[in-house]
């Protein structure tokens, strides 16, 4: 197969692992690769973060050092979870 070290390679390997090589054959993998490259070849493709990443960033951005209670109430999280987010967890 001609896919290199890129997103397509990752996607195809993930599909092969999830479905098994009996269902996601090498021929099907090549067809998928060809279709993706024809549709998106040469383009920069944006992959959005998960909702939890966006939420985590919002919590950190809104925290001013004195508004933990308000943020916890707004996002429906507890004190311990709030501090885990601040620590990067």
N, C-alpha and C. Protein backbone atom coordinates (compact mmCIF):
# COMPACT_ATOMS: atom_id res chain seq x y z
N UNK A 1 0.84 -1.18 0.00
CA UNK A 1 0.00 0.00 0.00
C UNK A 1 0.88 1.24 0.00
N UNK A 2 0.39 2.32 -0.59
CA UNK A 2 1.24 3.49 -0.78
C UNK A 2 1.12 4.56 0.30
N UNK A 3 0.28 4.36 1.32
CA UNK A 3 0.16 5.41 2.32
C UNK A 3 1.42 5.50 3.17
N UNK A 4 1.78 6.75 3.50
CA UNK A 4 2.98 6.99 4.28
C UNK A 4 2.64 7.30 5.72
N UNK A 5 3.52 8.04 6.36
CA UNK A 5 3.31 8.41 7.76
C UNK A 5 2.40 9.63 7.84
N UNK A 6 1.11 9.41 7.69
CA UNK A 6 0.17 10.52 7.73
C UNK A 6 -1.14 10.05 8.35
N UNK A 7 -2.11 10.93 8.35
CA UNK A 7 -3.40 10.64 8.96
C UNK A 7 -4.09 9.47 8.28
N UNK A 8 -3.95 9.35 6.98
CA UNK A 8 -4.60 8.26 6.26
C UNK A 8 -4.07 6.91 6.74
N UNK A 9 -2.76 6.82 6.90
CA UNK A 9 -2.15 5.58 7.40
C UNK A 9 -2.73 5.22 8.77
N UNK A 10 -2.83 6.20 9.63
CA UNK A 10 -3.38 5.97 10.97
C UNK A 10 -4.82 5.50 10.88
N UNK A 11 -5.63 6.16 10.05
CA UNK A 11 -7.04 5.81 9.92
C UNK A 11 -7.21 4.38 9.40
N UNK A 12 -6.45 4.03 8.38
CA UNK A 12 -6.57 2.71 7.79
C UNK A 12 -6.14 1.62 8.78
N UNK A 13 -5.04 1.85 9.47
CA UNK A 13 -4.60 0.85 10.46
C UNK A 13 -5.64 0.70 11.58
N UNK A 14 -6.25 1.81 11.99
CA UNK A 14 -7.28 1.76 13.02
C UNK A 14 -8.49 0.97 12.55
N UNK A 15 -8.91 1.20 11.31
CA UNK A 15 -10.06 0.46 10.76
C UNK A 15 -9.74 -1.02 10.62
N UNK A 16 -8.54 -1.34 10.16
CA UNK A 16 -8.15 -2.74 10.03
C UNK A 16 -8.14 -3.44 11.39
N UNK A 17 -7.65 -2.74 12.39
CA UNK A 17 -7.61 -3.32 13.74
C UNK A 17 -9.02 -3.51 14.28
N UNK A 18 -9.88 -2.51 14.10
CA UNK A 18 -11.24 -2.57 14.65
C UNK A 18 -12.11 -3.61 13.94
N UNK A 19 -11.99 -3.68 12.63
CA UNK A 19 -12.87 -4.57 11.86
C UNK A 19 -12.25 -5.93 11.58
N UNK A 20 -10.95 -6.02 11.68
CA UNK A 20 -10.26 -7.26 11.34
C UNK A 20 -9.94 -7.30 9.86
N UNK A 21 -8.88 -7.96 9.52
CA UNK A 21 -8.43 -7.98 8.13
C UNK A 21 -9.35 -8.79 7.23
N UNK A 22 -10.25 -9.61 7.81
CA UNK A 22 -11.21 -10.34 6.99
C UNK A 22 -12.26 -9.40 6.42
N UNK A 23 -12.67 -8.39 7.20
CA UNK A 23 -13.66 -7.42 6.73
C UNK A 23 -13.02 -6.23 6.04
N UNK A 24 -11.97 -5.70 6.63
CA UNK A 24 -11.30 -4.53 6.05
C UNK A 24 -10.04 -5.01 5.34
N UNK A 25 -10.24 -5.50 4.13
CA UNK A 25 -9.17 -6.12 3.36
C UNK A 25 -8.19 -5.07 2.84
N UNK A 26 -7.08 -5.54 2.35
CA UNK A 26 -6.07 -4.67 1.74
C UNK A 26 -6.67 -3.93 0.54
N UNK A 27 -7.50 -4.61 -0.24
CA UNK A 27 -8.15 -3.98 -1.39
C UNK A 27 -9.07 -2.85 -0.94
N UNK A 28 -9.86 -3.08 0.10
CA UNK A 28 -10.74 -2.04 0.62
C UNK A 28 -9.93 -0.88 1.18
N UNK A 29 -8.83 -1.17 1.85
CA UNK A 29 -7.96 -0.13 2.39
C UNK A 29 -7.43 0.75 1.27
N UNK A 30 -7.05 0.15 0.15
CA UNK A 30 -6.56 0.92 -1.00
C UNK A 30 -7.65 1.79 -1.59
N UNK A 31 -8.88 1.28 -1.63
CA UNK A 31 -10.01 2.06 -2.15
C UNK A 31 -10.29 3.27 -1.26
N UNK A 32 -10.27 3.04 0.04
CA UNK A 32 -10.50 4.13 0.99
C UNK A 32 -9.40 5.19 0.85
N UNK A 33 -8.17 4.74 0.77
CA UNK A 33 -7.04 5.67 0.61
C UNK A 33 -7.20 6.51 -0.65
N UNK A 34 -7.53 5.87 -1.75
CA UNK A 34 -7.69 6.57 -3.03
C UNK A 34 -8.80 7.61 -2.94
N UNK A 35 -9.92 7.25 -2.34
CA UNK A 35 -11.04 8.18 -2.23
C UNK A 35 -10.68 9.38 -1.35
N UNK A 36 -10.02 9.14 -0.24
CA UNK A 36 -9.64 10.23 0.66
C UNK A 36 -8.65 11.15 -0.04
N UNK A 37 -7.67 10.58 -0.72
CA UNK A 37 -6.67 11.41 -1.40
C UNK A 37 -7.29 12.20 -2.55
N UNK A 38 -8.26 11.62 -3.27
CA UNK A 38 -8.93 12.35 -4.34
C UNK A 38 -9.75 13.50 -3.79
N UNK A 39 -10.40 13.28 -2.68
CA UNK A 39 -11.28 14.30 -2.10
C UNK A 39 -10.49 15.40 -1.38
N UNK A 40 -9.45 15.03 -0.63
CA UNK A 40 -8.77 15.98 0.24
C UNK A 40 -7.30 16.20 -0.10
N UNK A 41 -6.79 15.55 -1.13
CA UNK A 41 -5.37 15.65 -1.48
C UNK A 41 -4.90 17.09 -1.65
N UNK A 42 -3.80 17.43 -1.00
CA UNK A 42 -3.22 18.76 -1.11
C UNK A 42 -3.84 19.80 -0.20
N UNK A 43 -4.86 19.43 0.54
CA UNK A 43 -5.54 20.38 1.43
C UNK A 43 -5.02 20.23 2.86
N UNK A 44 -5.10 21.32 3.58
CA UNK A 44 -4.85 21.27 5.01
C UNK A 44 -6.20 20.94 5.65
N UNK A 45 -6.26 19.84 6.39
CA UNK A 45 -7.51 19.40 6.99
C UNK A 45 -7.46 19.69 8.48
N UNK A 46 -8.48 20.37 8.99
CA UNK A 46 -8.56 20.71 10.41
C UNK A 46 -9.26 19.59 11.16
N UNK A 47 -8.65 19.12 12.25
CA UNK A 47 -9.26 18.13 13.11
C UNK A 47 -9.54 18.80 14.44
N UNK A 48 -10.83 18.97 14.74
CA UNK A 48 -11.23 19.67 15.96
C UNK A 48 -10.88 18.86 17.20
N UNK A 49 -10.61 19.56 18.28
CA UNK A 49 -10.38 18.90 19.55
C UNK A 49 -11.69 18.32 20.04
N UNK A 50 -11.60 17.42 21.00
CA UNK A 50 -12.81 16.85 21.58
C UNK A 50 -13.50 17.91 22.44
N UNK A 51 -14.77 17.70 22.71
CA UNK A 51 -15.51 18.63 23.54
C UNK A 51 -14.87 18.78 24.91
N UNK A 52 -14.31 17.69 25.45
CA UNK A 52 -13.70 17.77 26.78
C UNK A 52 -12.45 18.66 26.75
N UNK A 53 -11.69 18.65 25.65
CA UNK A 53 -10.53 19.52 25.54
C UNK A 53 -10.95 20.99 25.49
N UNK A 54 -11.99 21.27 24.74
CA UNK A 54 -12.50 22.64 24.63
C UNK A 54 -13.01 23.10 26.00
N UNK A 55 -13.72 22.24 26.68
CA UNK A 55 -14.24 22.56 28.01
C UNK A 55 -13.10 22.84 28.98
N UNK A 56 -12.10 21.98 28.97
CA UNK A 56 -10.94 22.13 29.85
C UNK A 56 -10.25 23.47 29.59
N UNK A 57 -10.07 23.82 28.33
CA UNK A 57 -9.44 25.10 27.99
C UNK A 57 -10.29 26.28 28.45
N UNK A 58 -11.60 26.15 28.35
CA UNK A 58 -12.50 27.23 28.81
C UNK A 58 -12.38 27.43 30.31
N UNK A 59 -12.32 26.34 31.04
CA UNK A 59 -12.19 26.43 32.50
C UNK A 59 -10.89 27.13 32.87
N UNK A 60 -9.81 26.74 32.26
CA UNK A 60 -8.50 27.35 32.56
C UNK A 60 -8.50 28.82 32.17
N UNK A 61 -9.05 29.14 31.01
CA UNK A 61 -9.07 30.52 30.53
C UNK A 61 -9.91 31.43 31.44
N UNK A 62 -11.03 30.91 31.94
CA UNK A 62 -11.94 31.73 32.75
C UNK A 62 -11.49 31.87 34.19
N UNK A 63 -10.62 31.00 34.66
CA UNK A 63 -10.18 31.06 36.05
C UNK A 63 -9.26 32.25 36.26
N UNK A 64 -9.61 33.09 37.23
CA UNK A 64 -8.80 34.28 37.51
C UNK A 64 -8.07 34.20 38.85
N UNK A 65 -8.09 33.03 39.46
CA UNK A 65 -7.42 32.85 40.73
C UNK A 65 -8.35 33.02 41.93
N UNK A 66 -9.54 33.56 41.68
CA UNK A 66 -10.45 33.82 42.79
C UNK A 66 -11.88 33.37 42.52
N UNK A 67 -12.14 32.73 41.40
CA UNK A 67 -13.52 32.40 41.04
C UNK A 67 -13.76 30.90 40.87
N UNK A 68 -13.09 30.08 41.67
CA UNK A 68 -13.24 28.64 41.57
C UNK A 68 -14.69 28.20 41.75
N UNK A 69 -15.36 28.73 42.75
CA UNK A 69 -16.74 28.30 43.02
C UNK A 69 -17.66 28.60 41.84
N UNK A 70 -17.51 29.78 41.28
CA UNK A 70 -18.35 30.15 40.13
C UNK A 70 -18.10 29.23 38.93
N UNK A 71 -16.83 28.93 38.69
CA UNK A 71 -16.49 28.06 37.57
C UNK A 71 -17.01 26.65 37.80
N UNK A 72 -16.84 26.15 39.02
CA UNK A 72 -17.34 24.81 39.33
C UNK A 72 -18.85 24.73 39.12
N UNK A 73 -19.56 25.75 39.53
CA UNK A 73 -21.01 25.78 39.35
C UNK A 73 -21.36 25.87 37.86
N UNK A 74 -20.68 26.74 37.15
CA UNK A 74 -20.96 26.94 35.73
C UNK A 74 -20.76 25.66 34.92
N UNK A 75 -19.67 24.93 35.19
CA UNK A 75 -19.34 23.74 34.42
C UNK A 75 -19.81 22.44 35.06
N UNK A 76 -20.42 22.54 36.24
CA UNK A 76 -20.95 21.35 36.90
C UNK A 76 -19.87 20.38 37.34
N UNK A 77 -18.79 20.91 37.88
CA UNK A 77 -17.70 20.06 38.35
C UNK A 77 -17.44 20.31 39.82
N UNK A 78 -16.80 19.35 40.46
CA UNK A 78 -16.45 19.49 41.86
C UNK A 78 -15.08 20.12 42.04
N UNK A 79 -14.77 20.45 43.28
CA UNK A 79 -13.50 21.09 43.62
C UNK A 79 -12.30 20.24 43.20
N UNK A 80 -12.35 18.94 43.51
CA UNK A 80 -11.23 18.06 43.18
C UNK A 80 -11.01 17.99 41.66
N UNK A 81 -12.11 17.87 40.91
CA UNK A 81 -12.00 17.82 39.45
C UNK A 81 -11.43 19.13 38.92
N UNK A 82 -11.87 20.23 39.47
CA UNK A 82 -11.36 21.54 39.07
C UNK A 82 -9.84 21.60 39.22
N UNK A 83 -9.33 21.17 40.36
CA UNK A 83 -7.88 21.23 40.59
C UNK A 83 -7.12 20.23 39.72
N UNK A 84 -7.75 19.09 39.40
CA UNK A 84 -7.12 18.15 38.45
C UNK A 84 -6.96 18.80 37.08
N UNK A 85 -7.99 19.53 36.65
CA UNK A 85 -7.91 20.24 35.37
C UNK A 85 -6.79 21.26 35.37
N UNK A 86 -6.67 22.01 36.45
CA UNK A 86 -5.62 23.01 36.54
C UNK A 86 -4.24 22.38 36.49
N UNK A 87 -4.10 21.18 37.05
CA UNK A 87 -2.82 20.49 37.05
C UNK A 87 -2.53 19.81 35.71
N UNK A 88 -3.50 19.84 34.82
CA UNK A 88 -3.30 19.22 33.50
C UNK A 88 -3.86 17.84 33.37
N UNK A 89 -4.62 17.40 34.32
CA UNK A 89 -5.18 16.05 34.28
C UNK A 89 -6.56 15.97 33.74
